[in-house]
Amino acid sequence: MSNSNPDTVPGSASHGSVKSYVIGLILSIVLTVIPFAAVMTGALSITTTVLTIVIAAVLQVLVQLVMFMHLNTKSDEGWNFMSLVFAVTILVLVVGGSLWIMHHLHLNVMIS
């Protein structure tokens, strides 16, 4: 078949357009620069800086999953949605666990 439109070719997987990749790249760069600037300037309180980093990290992972890996809630026999649920679950576990560990390390640090 000479038709390269993935919407009209039966059984073909739809990949993102150049526009979606460029938008994903720009969002990824912005979501990297924001926490970097928050840490380097020191203008925010520690709590606000940590919240900024956590929110930017979560958004960064979601942008990567949606824009580059093309995960969404549409059903490809349920796998696309299940992959998204799994990724969000792992994200919550990793971010929550990291924050919990860092909090307890901060509480239990010995100051001489």
PDB file of N, CA and C in Angstrom:
ATOM      1  N   MET A   1       0.834  -1.178   0.000  1.00  0.00           N
ATOM      2  CA  MET A   1       0.000   0.000   0.000  1.00  0.00           C
ATOM      3  C   MET A   1       0.880   1.243   0.000  1.00  0.00           C
ATOM      4  N   SER A   2       0.507   2.214  -0.772  1.00  0.00           N
ATOM      5  CA  SER A   2       1.290   3.434  -0.832  1.00  0.00           C
ATOM      6  C   SER A   2       0.738   4.508   0.081  1.00  0.00           C
ATOM      7  N   ASN A   3      -0.410   4.272   0.693  1.00  0.00           N
ATOM      8  CA  ASN A   3      -1.007   5.246   1.595  1.00  0.00           C
ATOM      9  C   ASN A   3      -0.271   5.196   2.936  1.00  0.00           C
ATOM     10  N   SER A   4       0.358   6.304   3.321  1.00  0.00           N
ATOM     11  CA  SER A   4       1.152   6.323   4.548  1.00  0.00           C
ATOM     12  C   SER A   4       0.406   6.921   5.732  1.00  0.00           C
ATOM     13  N   ASN A   5      -0.853   7.276   5.557  1.00  0.00           N
ATOM     14  CA  ASN A   5      -1.640   7.831   6.658  1.00  0.00           C
ATOM     15  C   ASN A   5      -2.036   6.697   7.597  1.00  0.00           C
ATOM     16  N   PRO A   6      -1.566   6.704   8.877  1.00  0.00           N
ATOM     17  CA  PRO A   6      -1.853   5.592   9.777  1.00  0.00           C
ATOM     18  C   PRO A   6      -3.323   5.495  10.162  1.00  0.00           C
ATOM     19  N   ASP A   7      -4.083   6.565   9.942  1.00  0.00           N
ATOM     20  CA  ASP A   7      -5.501   6.517  10.272  1.00  0.00           C
ATOM     21  C   ASP A   7      -6.300   5.712   9.248  1.00  0.00           C
ATOM     22  N   THR A   8      -5.763   5.588   8.041  1.00  0.00           N
ATOM     23  CA  THR A   8      -6.511   4.904   6.999  1.00  0.00           C
ATOM     24  C   THR A   8      -5.983   3.512   6.695  1.00  0.00           C
ATOM     25  N   VAL A   9      -4.816   3.171   7.192  1.00  0.00           N
ATOM     26  CA  VAL A   9      -4.244   1.857   6.931  1.00  0.00           C
ATOM     27  C   VAL A   9      -4.655   0.927   8.065  1.00  0.00           C
ATOM     28  N   PRO A  10      -5.422  -0.129   7.769  1.00  0.00           N
ATOM     29  CA  PRO A  10      -5.854  -1.013   8.840  1.00  0.00           C
ATOM     30  C   PRO A  10      -4.678  -1.763   9.465  1.00  0.00           C
ATOM     31  N   GLY A  11      -4.698  -1.846  10.797  1.00  0.00           N
ATOM     32  CA  GLY A  11      -3.685  -2.614  11.509  1.00  0.00           C
ATOM     33  C   GLY A  11      -2.372  -1.899  11.734  1.00  0.00           C
ATOM     34  N   SER A  12      -2.267  -0.639  11.305  1.00  0.00           N
ATOM     35  CA  SER A  12      -1.002   0.069  11.506  1.00  0.00           C
ATOM     36  C   SER A  12      -1.045   0.848  12.809  1.00  0.00           C
ATOM     37  N   ALA A  13       0.108   0.939  13.441  1.00  0.00           N
ATOM     38  CA  ALA A  13       0.205   1.674  14.701  1.00  0.00           C
ATOM     39  C   ALA A  13       0.404   3.154  14.408  1.00  0.00           C
ATOM     40  N   SER A  14      -0.265   3.991  15.153  1.00  0.00           N
ATOM     41  CA  SER A  14      -0.143   5.426  14.982  1.00  0.00           C
ATOM     42  C   SER A  14       1.022   5.955  15.809  1.00  0.00           C
ATOM     43  N   HIS A  15       1.939   6.615  15.149  1.00  0.00           N
ATOM     44  CA  HIS A  15       3.051   7.240  15.832  1.00  0.00           C
ATOM     45  C   HIS A  15       2.801   8.730  15.869  1.00  0.00           C
ATOM     46  N   GLY A  16       3.475   9.407  16.760  1.00  0.00           N
ATOM     47  CA  GLY A  16       3.284  10.837  16.900  1.00  0.00           C
ATOM     48  C   GLY A  16       3.811  11.609  15.712  1.00  0.00           C
ATOM     49  N   SER A  17       3.297  12.803  15.570  1.00  0.00           N
ATOM     50  CA  SER A  17       3.765  13.675  14.503  1.00  0.00           C
ATOM     51  C   SER A  17       4.987  14.443  14.985  1.00  0.00           C
ATOM     52  N   VAL A  18       5.642  15.108  14.074  1.00  0.00           N
ATOM     53  CA  VAL A  18       6.793  15.928  14.428  1.00  0.00           C
ATOM     54  C   VAL A  18       6.354  17.013  15.408  1.00  0.00           C
ATOM     55  N   LYS A  19       5.155  17.547  15.191  1.00  0.00           N
ATOM     56  CA  LYS A  19       4.624  18.588  16.069  1.00  0.00           C
ATOM     57  C   LYS A  19       4.503  18.078  17.503  1.00  0.00           C
ATOM     58  N   SER A  20       4.009  16.857  17.703  1.00  0.00           N
ATOM     59  CA  SER A  20       3.859  16.333  19.060  1.00  0.00           C
ATOM     60  C   SER A  20       5.218  16.089  19.709  1.00  0.00           C
ATOM     61  N   TYR A  21       6.201  15.654  18.930  1.00  0.00           N
ATOM     62  CA  TYR A  21       7.546  15.459  19.473  1.00  0.00           C
ATOM     63  C   TYR A  21       8.191  16.793  19.858  1.00  0.00           C
ATOM     64  N   VAL A  22       8.000  17.813  19.044  1.00  0.00           N
ATOM     65  CA  VAL A  22       8.575  19.126  19.345  1.00  0.00           C
ATOM     66  C   VAL A  22       7.900  19.709  20.589  1.00  0.00           C
ATOM     67  N   ILE A  23       6.591  19.583  20.695  1.00  0.00           N
ATOM     68  CA  ILE A  23       5.890  20.060  21.886  1.00  0.00           C
ATOM     69  C   ILE A  23       6.378  19.306  23.123  1.00  0.00           C
ATOM     70  N   GLY A  24       6.542  17.996  23.005  1.00  0.00           N
ATOM     71  CA  GLY A  24       7.058  17.202  24.112  1.00  0.00           C
ATOM     72  C   GLY A  24       8.457  17.629  24.516  1.00  0.00           C
ATOM     73  N   LEU A  25       9.311  17.896  23.542  1.00  0.00           N
ATOM     74  CA  LEU A  25      10.672  18.344  23.823  1.00  0.00           C
ATOM     75  C   LEU A  25      10.665  19.684  24.541  1.00  0.00           C
ATOM     76  N   ILE A  26       9.853  20.621  24.053  1.00  0.00           N
ATOM     77  CA  ILE A  26       9.784  21.946  24.683  1.00  0.00           C
ATOM     78  C   ILE A  26       9.255  21.835  26.111  1.00  0.00           C
ATOM     79  N   LEU A  27       8.206  21.046  26.310  1.00  0.00           N
ATOM     80  CA  LEU A  27       7.674  20.851  27.663  1.00  0.00           C
ATOM     81  C   LEU A  27       8.708  20.197  28.574  1.00  0.00           C
ATOM     82  N   SER A  28       9.449  19.238  28.062  1.00  0.00           N
ATOM     83  CA  SER A  28      10.487  18.580  28.861  1.00  0.00           C
ATOM     84  C   SER A  28      11.582  19.557  29.263  1.00  0.00           C
ATOM     85  N   ILE A  29      11.987  20.404  28.355  1.00  0.00           N
ATOM     86  CA  ILE A  29      13.010  21.396  28.672  1.00  0.00           C
ATOM     87  C   ILE A  29      12.506  22.379  29.718  1.00  0.00           C
ATOM     88  N   VAL A  30      11.282  22.862  29.548  1.00  0.00           N
ATOM     89  CA  VAL A  30      10.706  23.802  30.515  1.00  0.00           C
ATOM     90  C   VAL A  30      10.582  23.151  31.888  1.00  0.00           C
ATOM     91  N   LEU A  31      10.128  21.891  31.917  1.00  0.00           N
ATOM     92  CA  LEU A  31       9.964  21.195  33.192  1.00  0.00           C
ATOM     93  C   LEU A  31      11.301  20.797  33.817  1.00  0.00           C
ATOM     94  N   THR A  32      12.381  20.903  33.089  1.00  0.00           N
ATOM     95  CA  THR A  32      13.719  20.701  33.650  1.00  0.00           C
ATOM     96  C   THR A  32      14.283  22.016  34.159  1.00  0.00           C
ATOM     97  N   VAL A  33      14.042  23.091  33.440  1.00  0.00           N
ATOM     98  CA  VAL A  33      14.595  24.399  33.800  1.00  0.00           C
ATOM     99  C   VAL A  33      13.930  24.959  35.059  1.00  0.00           C
ATOM    100  N   ILE A  34      12.636  24.734  35.234  1.00  0.00           N
ATOM    101  CA  ILE A  34      11.919  25.295  36.388  1.00  0.00           C
ATOM    102  C   ILE A  34      12.511  24.834  37.717  1.00  0.00           C
ATOM    103  N   PRO A  35      12.638  23.526  37.982  1.00  0.00           N
ATOM    104  CA  PRO A  35      13.233  23.148  39.269  1.00  0.00           C
ATOM    105  C   PRO A  35      14.719  23.515  39.371  1.00  0.00           C
ATOM    106  N   PHE A  36      15.435  23.486  38.250  1.00  0.00           N
ATOM    107  CA  PHE A  36      16.844  23.888  38.269  1.00  0.00           C
ATOM    108  C   PHE A  36      16.963  25.340  38.710  1.00  0.00           C
ATOM    109  N   ALA A  37      16.120  26.203  38.156  1.00  0.00           N
ATOM    110  CA  ALA A  37      16.141  27.617  38.535  1.00  0.00           C
ATOM    111  C   ALA A  37      15.720  27.803  39.987  1.00  0.00           C
ATOM    112  N   ALA A  38      14.740  27.020  40.439  1.00  0.00           N
ATOM    113  CA  ALA A  38      14.291  27.138  41.829  1.00  0.00           C
ATOM    114  C   ALA A  38      15.412  26.789  42.797  1.00  0.00           C
ATOM    115  N   VAL A  39      16.201  25.771  42.468  1.00  0.00           N
ATOM    116  CA  VAL A  39      17.304  25.365  43.347  1.00  0.00           C
ATOM    117  C   VAL A  39      18.466  26.354  43.242  1.00  0.00           C
ATOM    118  N   MET A  40      18.828  26.748  42.051  1.00  0.00           N
ATOM    119  CA  MET A  40      20.005  27.593  41.858  1.00  0.00           C
ATOM    120  C   MET A  40      19.816  29.014  42.367  1.00  0.00           C
ATOM    121  N   THR A  41      18.603  29.560  42.267  1.00  0.00           N
ATOM    122  CA  THR A  41      18.386  30.929  42.748  1.00  0.00           C
ATOM    123  C   THR A  41      18.219  30.963  44.263  1.00  0.00           C
ATOM    124  N   GLY A  42      17.648  29.923  44.846  1.00  0.00           N
ATOM    125  CA  GLY A  42      17.424  29.899  46.285  1.00  0.00           C
ATOM    126  C   GLY A  42      16.382  30.900  46.740  1.00  0.00           C
ATOM    127  N   ALA A  43      15.579  31.398  45.811  1.00  0.00           N
ATOM    128  CA  ALA A  43      14.593  32.422  46.132  1.00  0.00           C
ATOM    129  C   ALA A  43      13.374  31.859  46.866  1.00  0.00           C
ATOM    130  N   LEU A  44      13.139  30.570  46.757  1.00  0.00           N
ATOM    131  CA  LEU A  44      11.972  29.956  47.383  1.00  0.00           C
ATOM    132  C   LEU A  44      12.364  29.291  48.694  1.00  0.00           C
ATOM    133  N   SER A  45      11.379  29.084  49.544  1.00  0.00           N
ATOM    134  CA  SER A  45      11.642  28.358  50.788  1.00  0.00           C
ATOM    135  C   SER A  45      11.944  26.896  50.460  1.00  0.00           C
ATOM    136  N   ILE A  46      12.474  26.183  51.426  1.00  0.00           N
ATOM    137  CA  ILE A  46      12.842  24.784  51.202  1.00  0.00           C
ATOM    138  C   ILE A  46      11.614  23.958  50.842  1.00  0.00           C
ATOM    139  N   THR A  47      10.511  24.174  51.560  1.00  0.00           N
ATOM    140  CA  THR A  47       9.284  23.420  51.287  1.00  0.00           C
ATOM    141  C   THR A  47       8.769  23.710  49.885  1.00  0.00           C
ATOM    142  N   THR A  48       8.763  24.962  49.495  1.00  0.00           N
ATOM    143  CA  THR A  48       8.291  25.334  48.159  1.00  0.00           C
ATOM    144  C   THR A  48       9.210  24.774  47.082  1.00  0.00           C
ATOM    145  N   THR A  49      10.511  24.786  47.344  1.00  0.00           N
ATOM    146  CA  THR A  49      11.462  24.232  46.378  1.00  0.00           C
ATOM    147  C   THR A  49      11.237  22.739  46.191  1.00  0.00           C
ATOM    148  N   VAL A  50      11.054  22.009  47.290  1.00  0.00           N
ATOM    149  CA  VAL A  50      10.810  20.566  47.198  1.00  0.00           C
ATOM    150  C   VAL A  50       9.507  20.298  46.456  1.00  0.00           C
ATOM    151  N   LEU A  51       8.456  21.047  46.772  1.00  0.00           N
ATOM    152  CA  LEU A  51       7.182  20.870  46.058  1.00  0.00           C
ATOM    153  C   LEU A  51       7.328  21.169  44.572  1.00  0.00           C
ATOM    154  N   THR A  52       8.091  22.199  44.247  1.00  0.00           N
ATOM    155  CA  THR A  52       8.332  22.539  42.838  1.00  0.00           C
ATOM    156  C   THR A  52       9.040  21.403  42.121  1.00  0.00           C
ATOM    157  N   ILE A  53      10.049  20.826  42.769  1.00  0.00           N
ATOM    158  CA  ILE A  53      10.793  19.710  42.169  1.00  0.00           C
ATOM    159  C   ILE A  53       9.893  18.501  41.976  1.00  0.00           C
ATOM    160  N   VAL A  54       9.092  18.167  42.986  1.00  0.00           N
ATOM    161  CA  VAL A  54       8.217  16.993  42.908  1.00  0.00           C
ATOM    162  C   VAL A  54       7.166  17.175  41.821  1.00  0.00           C
ATOM    163  N   ILE A  55       6.529  18.329  41.792  1.00  0.00           N
ATOM    164  CA  ILE A  55       5.490  18.575  40.776  1.00  0.00           C
ATOM    165  C   ILE A  55       6.089  18.546  39.374  1.00  0.00           C
ATOM    166  N   ALA A  56       7.244  19.180  39.200  1.00  0.00           N
ATOM    167  CA  ALA A  56       7.894  19.179  37.882  1.00  0.00           C
ATOM    168  C   ALA A  56       8.317  17.772  37.474  1.00  0.00           C
ATOM    169  N   ALA A  57       8.777  16.971  38.442  1.00  0.00           N
ATOM    170  CA  ALA A  57       9.195  15.593  38.125  1.00  0.00           C
ATOM    171  C   ALA A  57       8.005  14.747  37.692  1.00  0.00           C
ATOM    172  N   VAL A  58       6.903  14.869  38.405  1.00  0.00           N
ATOM    173  CA  VAL A  58       5.705  14.101  38.050  1.00  0.00           C
ATOM    174  C   VAL A  58       5.190  14.529  36.681  1.00  0.00           C
ATOM    175  N   LEU A  59       5.126  15.829  36.449  1.00  0.00           N
ATOM    176  CA  LEU A  59       4.685  16.312  35.138  1.00  0.00           C
ATOM    177  C   LEU A  59       5.642  15.876  34.036  1.00  0.00           C
ATOM    178  N   GLN A  60       6.933  15.867  34.338  1.00  0.00           N
ATOM    179  CA  GLN A  60       7.933  15.434  33.360  1.00  0.00           C
ATOM    180  C   GLN A  60       7.692  13.988  32.927  1.00  0.00           C
ATOM    181  N   VAL A  61       7.445  13.113  33.890  1.00  0.00           N
ATOM    182  CA  VAL A  61       7.190  11.703  33.564  1.00  0.00           C
ATOM    183  C   VAL A  61       5.906  11.580  32.745  1.00  0.00           C
ATOM    184  N   LEU A  62       4.865  12.296  33.136  1.00  0.00           N
ATOM    185  CA  LEU A  62       3.607  12.220  32.389  1.00  0.00           C
ATOM    186  C   LEU A  62       3.755  12.758  30.971  1.00  0.00           C
ATOM    187  N   VAL A  63       4.504  13.846  30.804  1.00  0.00           N
ATOM    188  CA  VAL A  63       4.748  14.385  29.462  1.00  0.00           C
ATOM    189  C   VAL A  63       5.497  13.359  28.621  1.00  0.00           C
ATOM    190  N   GLN A  64       6.505  12.711  29.205  1.00  0.00           N
ATOM    191  CA  GLN A  64       7.276  11.700  28.472  1.00  0.00           C
ATOM    192  C   GLN A  64       6.380  10.538  28.051  1.00  0.00           C
ATOM    193  N   LEU A  65       5.523  10.087  28.968  1.00  0.00           N
ATOM    194  CA  LEU A  65       4.643   8.954  28.660  1.00  0.00           C
ATOM    195  C   LEU A  65       3.640   9.291  27.564  1.00  0.00           C
ATOM    196  N   VAL A  66       3.078  10.477  27.622  1.00  0.00           N
ATOM    197  CA  VAL A  66       2.030  10.839  26.659  1.00  0.00           C
ATOM    198  C   VAL A  66       2.623  11.285  25.326  1.00  0.00           C
ATOM    199  N   MET A  67       3.622  12.166  25.363  1.00  0.00           N
ATOM    200  CA  MET A  67       4.128  12.754  24.117  1.00  0.00           C
ATOM    201  C   MET A  67       5.091  11.841  23.357  1.00  0.00           C
ATOM    202  N   PHE A  68       5.910  11.071  24.081  1.00  0.00           N
ATOM    203  CA  PHE A  68       6.911  10.257  23.403  1.00  0.00           C
ATOM    204  C   PHE A  68       6.527   8.783  23.316  1.00  0.00           C
ATOM    205  N   MET A  69       5.863   8.271  24.347  1.00  0.00           N
ATOM    206  CA  MET A  69       5.479   6.860  24.332  1.00  0.00           C
ATOM    207  C   MET A  69       4.029   6.667  23.890  1.00  0.00           C
ATOM    208  N   HIS A  70       3.312   7.761  23.692  1.00  0.00           N
ATOM    209  CA  HIS A  70       1.960   7.761  23.147  1.00  0.00           C
ATOM    210  C   HIS A  70       0.968   6.955  23.988  1.00  0.00           C
ATOM    211  N   LEU A  71       1.132   6.981  25.304  1.00  0.00           N
ATOM    212  CA  LEU A  71       0.172   6.312  26.167  1.00  0.00           C
ATOM    213  C   LEU A  71      -1.025   7.227  26.372  1.00  0.00           C
ATOM    214  N   ASN A  72      -2.209   6.639  26.299  1.00  0.00           N
ATOM    215  CA  ASN A  72      -3.434   7.394  26.531  1.00  0.00           C
ATOM    216  C   ASN A  72      -4.481   6.443  27.080  1.00  0.00           C
ATOM    217  N   THR A  73      -5.706   6.906  27.192  1.00  0.00           N
ATOM    218  CA  THR A  73      -6.760   6.062  27.756  1.00  0.00           C
ATOM    219  C   THR A  73      -7.521   5.289  26.695  1.00  0.00           C
ATOM    220  N   LYS A  74      -7.175   5.440  25.426  1.00  0.00           N
ATOM    221  CA  LYS A  74      -7.837   4.672  24.370  1.00  0.00           C
ATOM    222  C   LYS A  74      -7.433   3.213  24.484  1.00  0.00           C
ATOM    223  N   SER A  75      -8.324   2.350  24.137  1.00  0.00           N
ATOM    224  CA  SER A  75      -8.092   0.929  24.355  1.00  0.00           C
ATOM    225  C   SER A  75      -7.449   0.262  23.138  1.00  0.00           C
ATOM    226  N   ASP A  76      -6.287  -0.327  23.357  1.00  0.00           N
ATOM    227  CA  ASP A  76      -5.693  -1.279  22.424  1.00  0.00           C
ATOM    228  C   ASP A  76      -5.706  -2.598  23.167  1.00  0.00           C
ATOM    229  N   GLU A  77      -6.871  -3.183  23.251  1.00  0.00           N
ATOM    230  CA  GLU A  77      -7.116  -4.380  24.043  1.00  0.00           C
ATOM    231  C   GLU A  77      -6.774  -4.138  25.510  1.00  0.00           C
ATOM    232  N   GLY A  78      -6.892  -2.891  25.961  1.00  0.00           N
ATOM    233  CA  GLY A  78      -6.679  -2.555  27.356  1.00  0.00           C
ATOM    234  C   GLY A  78      -5.236  -2.325  27.754  1.00  0.00           C
ATOM    235  N   TRP A  79      -4.283  -2.617  26.876  1.00  0.00           N
ATOM    236  CA  TRP A  79      -2.869  -2.528  27.256  1.00  0.00           C
ATOM    237  C   TRP A  79      -2.395  -1.099  27.406  1.00  0.00           C
ATOM    238  N   ASN A  80      -2.858  -0.211  26.566  1.00  0.00           N
ATOM    239  CA  ASN A  80      -2.430   1.179  26.646  1.00  0.00           C
ATOM    240  C   ASN A  80      -2.845   1.793  27.974  1.00  0.00           C
ATOM    241  N   PHE A  81      -4.099   1.586  28.356  1.00  0.00           N
ATOM    242  CA  PHE A  81      -4.597   2.125  29.619  1.00  0.00           C
ATOM    243  C   PHE A  81      -3.913   1.452  30.808  1.00  0.00           C
ATOM    244  N   MET A  82      -3.719   0.142  30.733  1.00  0.00           N
ATOM    245  CA  MET A  82      -3.053  -0.574  31.821  1.00  0.00           C
ATOM    246  C   MET A  82      -1.600  -0.109  31.974  1.00  0.00           C
ATOM    247  N   SER A  83      -0.939   0.180  30.879  1.00  0.00           N
ATOM    248  CA  SER A  83       0.426   0.705  30.948  1.00  0.00           C
ATOM    249  C   SER A  83       0.449   2.065  31.631  1.00  0.00           C
ATOM    250  N   LEU A  84      -0.540   2.891  31.332  1.00  0.00           N
ATOM    251  CA  LEU A  84      -0.634   4.203  31.954  1.00  0.00           C
ATOM    252  C   LEU A  84      -0.898   4.074  33.456  1.00  0.00           C
ATOM    253  N   VAL A  85      -1.799   3.186  33.841  1.00  0.00           N
ATOM    254  CA  VAL A  85      -2.088   2.956  35.262  1.00  0.00           C
ATOM    255  C   VAL A  85      -0.842   2.430  35.977  1.00  0.00           C
ATOM    256  N   PHE A  86      -0.144   1.506  35.363  1.00  0.00           N
ATOM    257  CA  PHE A  86       1.080   0.960  35.945  1.00  0.00           C
ATOM    258  C   PHE A  86       2.135   2.053  36.116  1.00  0.00           C
ATOM    259  N   ALA A  87       2.310   2.893  35.099  1.00  0.00           N
ATOM    260  CA  ALA A  87       3.305   3.961  35.167  1.00  0.00           C
ATOM    261  C   ALA A  87       2.968   4.951  36.280  1.00  0.00           C
ATOM    262  N   VAL A  88       1.703   5.310  36.401  1.00  0.00           N
ATOM    263  CA  VAL A  88       1.301   6.242  37.463  1.00  0.00           C
ATOM    264  C   VAL A  88       1.497   5.599  38.835  1.00  0.00           C
ATOM    265  N   THR A  89       1.194   4.318  38.974  1.00  0.00           N
ATOM    266  CA  THR A  89       1.394   3.611  40.247  1.00  0.00           C
ATOM    267  C   THR A  89       2.868   3.595  40.628  1.00  0.00           C
ATOM    268  N   ILE A  90       3.724   3.257  39.697  1.00  0.00           N
ATOM    269  CA  ILE A  90       5.163   3.245  39.961  1.00  0.00           C
ATOM    270  C   ILE A  90       5.652   4.650  40.307  1.00  0.00           C
ATOM    271  N   LEU A  91       5.137   5.636  39.599  1.00  0.00           N
ATOM    272  CA  LEU A  91       5.510   7.022  39.864  1.00  0.00           C
ATOM    273  C   LEU A  91       5.146   7.431  41.286  1.00  0.00           C
ATOM    274  N   VAL A  92       3.947   7.084  41.715  1.00  0.00           N
ATOM    275  CA  VAL A  92       3.510   7.407  43.080  1.00  0.00           C
ATOM    276  C   VAL A  92       4.388   6.688  44.097  1.00  0.00           C
ATOM    277  N   LEU A  93       4.690   5.427  43.855  1.00  0.00           N
ATOM    278  CA  LEU A  93       5.542   4.680  44.779  1.00  0.00           C
ATOM    279  C   LEU A  93       6.956   5.260  44.859  1.00  0.00           C
ATOM    280  N   VAL A  94       7.544   5.582  43.744  1.00  0.00           N
ATOM    281  CA  VAL A  94       8.917   6.094  43.733  1.00  0.00           C
ATOM    282  C   VAL A  94       8.985   7.485  44.356  1.00  0.00           C
ATOM    283  N   VAL A  95       8.097   8.382  43.937  1.00  0.00           N
ATOM    284  CA  VAL A  95       8.124   9.745  44.479  1.00  0.00           C
ATOM    285  C   VAL A  95       7.753   9.727  45.956  1.00  0.00           C
ATOM    286  N   GLY A  96       6.676   9.019  46.309  1.00  0.00           N
ATOM    287  CA  GLY A  96       6.270   8.943  47.712  1.00  0.00           C
ATOM    288  C   GLY A  96       7.339   8.308  48.586  1.00  0.00           C
ATOM    289  N   GLY A  97       7.925   7.213  48.111  1.00  0.00           N
ATOM    290  CA  GLY A  97       8.983   6.553  48.863  1.00  0.00           C
ATOM    291  C   GLY A  97      10.210   7.430  49.022  1.00  0.00           C
ATOM    292  N   SER A  98      10.576   8.141  47.980  1.00  0.00           N
ATOM    293  CA  SER A  98      11.733   9.043  48.061  1.00  0.00           C
ATOM    294  C   SER A  98      11.487  10.165  49.064  1.00  0.00           C
ATOM    295  N   LEU A  99      10.294  10.749  49.017  1.00  0.00           N
ATOM    296  CA  LEU A  99       9.976  11.811  49.967  1.00  0.00           C
ATOM    297  C   LEU A  99       9.953  11.278  51.398  1.00  0.00           C
ATOM    298  N   TRP A 100       9.407  10.091  51.593  1.00  0.00           N
ATOM    299  CA  TRP A 100       9.350   9.486  52.922  1.00  0.00           C
ATOM    300  C   TRP A 100      10.762   9.226  53.456  1.00  0.00           C
ATOM    301  N   ILE A 101      11.627   8.670  52.623  1.00  0.00           N
ATOM    302  CA  ILE A 101      13.006   8.398  53.025  1.00  0.00           C
ATOM    303  C   ILE A 101      13.742   9.692  53.344  1.00  0.00           C
ATOM    304  N   MET A 102      13.614  10.688  52.486  1.00  0.00           N
ATOM    305  CA  MET A 102      14.313  11.954  52.722  1.00  0.00           C
ATOM    306  C   MET A 102      13.807  12.640  53.986  1.00  0.00           C
ATOM    307  N   HIS A 103      12.518  12.564  54.252  1.00  0.00           N
ATOM    308  CA  HIS A 103      11.951  13.161  55.463  1.00  0.00           C
ATOM    309  C   HIS A 103      12.525  12.485  56.708  1.00  0.00           C
ATOM    310  N   HIS A 104      12.552  11.165  56.711  1.00  0.00           N
ATOM    311  CA  HIS A 104      13.067  10.447  57.873  1.00  0.00           C
ATOM    312  C   HIS A 104      14.582  10.599  58.016  1.00  0.00           C
ATOM    313  N   LEU A 105      15.301  10.721  56.918  1.00  0.00           N
ATOM    314  CA  LEU A 105      16.726  11.007  57.019  1.00  0.00           C
ATOM    315  C   LEU A 105      16.949  12.368  57.641  1.00  0.00           C
ATOM    316  N   HIS A 106      16.127  13.327  57.249  1.00  0.00           N
ATOM    317  CA  HIS A 106      16.245  14.675  57.800  1.00  0.00           C
ATOM    318  C   HIS A 106      15.924  14.673  59.299  1.00  0.00           C
ATOM    319  N   LEU A 107      14.920  13.930  59.711  1.00  0.00           N
ATOM    320  CA  LEU A 107      14.559  13.874  61.141  1.00  0.00           C
ATOM    321  C   LEU A 107      15.631  13.180  61.975  1.00  0.00           C
ATOM    322  N   ASN A 108      16.266  12.179  61.415  1.00  0.00           N
ATOM    323  CA  ASN A 108      17.201  11.359  62.188  1.00  0.00           C
ATOM    324  C   ASN A 108      18.671  11.726  62.016  1.00  0.00           C
ATOM    325  N   VAL A 109      18.961  12.802  61.317  1.00  0.00           N
ATOM    326  CA  VAL A 109      20.349  13.194  61.116  1.00  0.00           C
ATOM    327  C   VAL A 109      20.943  13.646  62.452  1.00  0.00           C
ATOM    328  N   MET A 110      22.161  13.231  62.687  1.00  0.00           N
ATOM    329  CA  MET A 110      22.836  13.598  63.936  1.00  0.00           C
ATOM    330  C   MET A 110      23.694  14.817  63.685  1.00  0.00           C
ATOM    331  N   ILE A 111      23.428  15.860  64.433  1.00  0.00           N
ATOM    332  CA  ILE A 111      24.204  17.098  64.307  1.00  0.00           C
ATOM    333  C   ILE A 111      25.153  17.181  65.485  1.00  0.00           C
ATOM    334  N   SER A 112      26.433  17.385  65.200  1.00  0.00           N
ATOM    335  CA  SER A 112      27.411  17.418  66.290  1.00  0.00           C
ATOM    336  C   SER A 112      27.549  18.794  66.886  1.00  0.00           C
TER     337      SER A 112
END
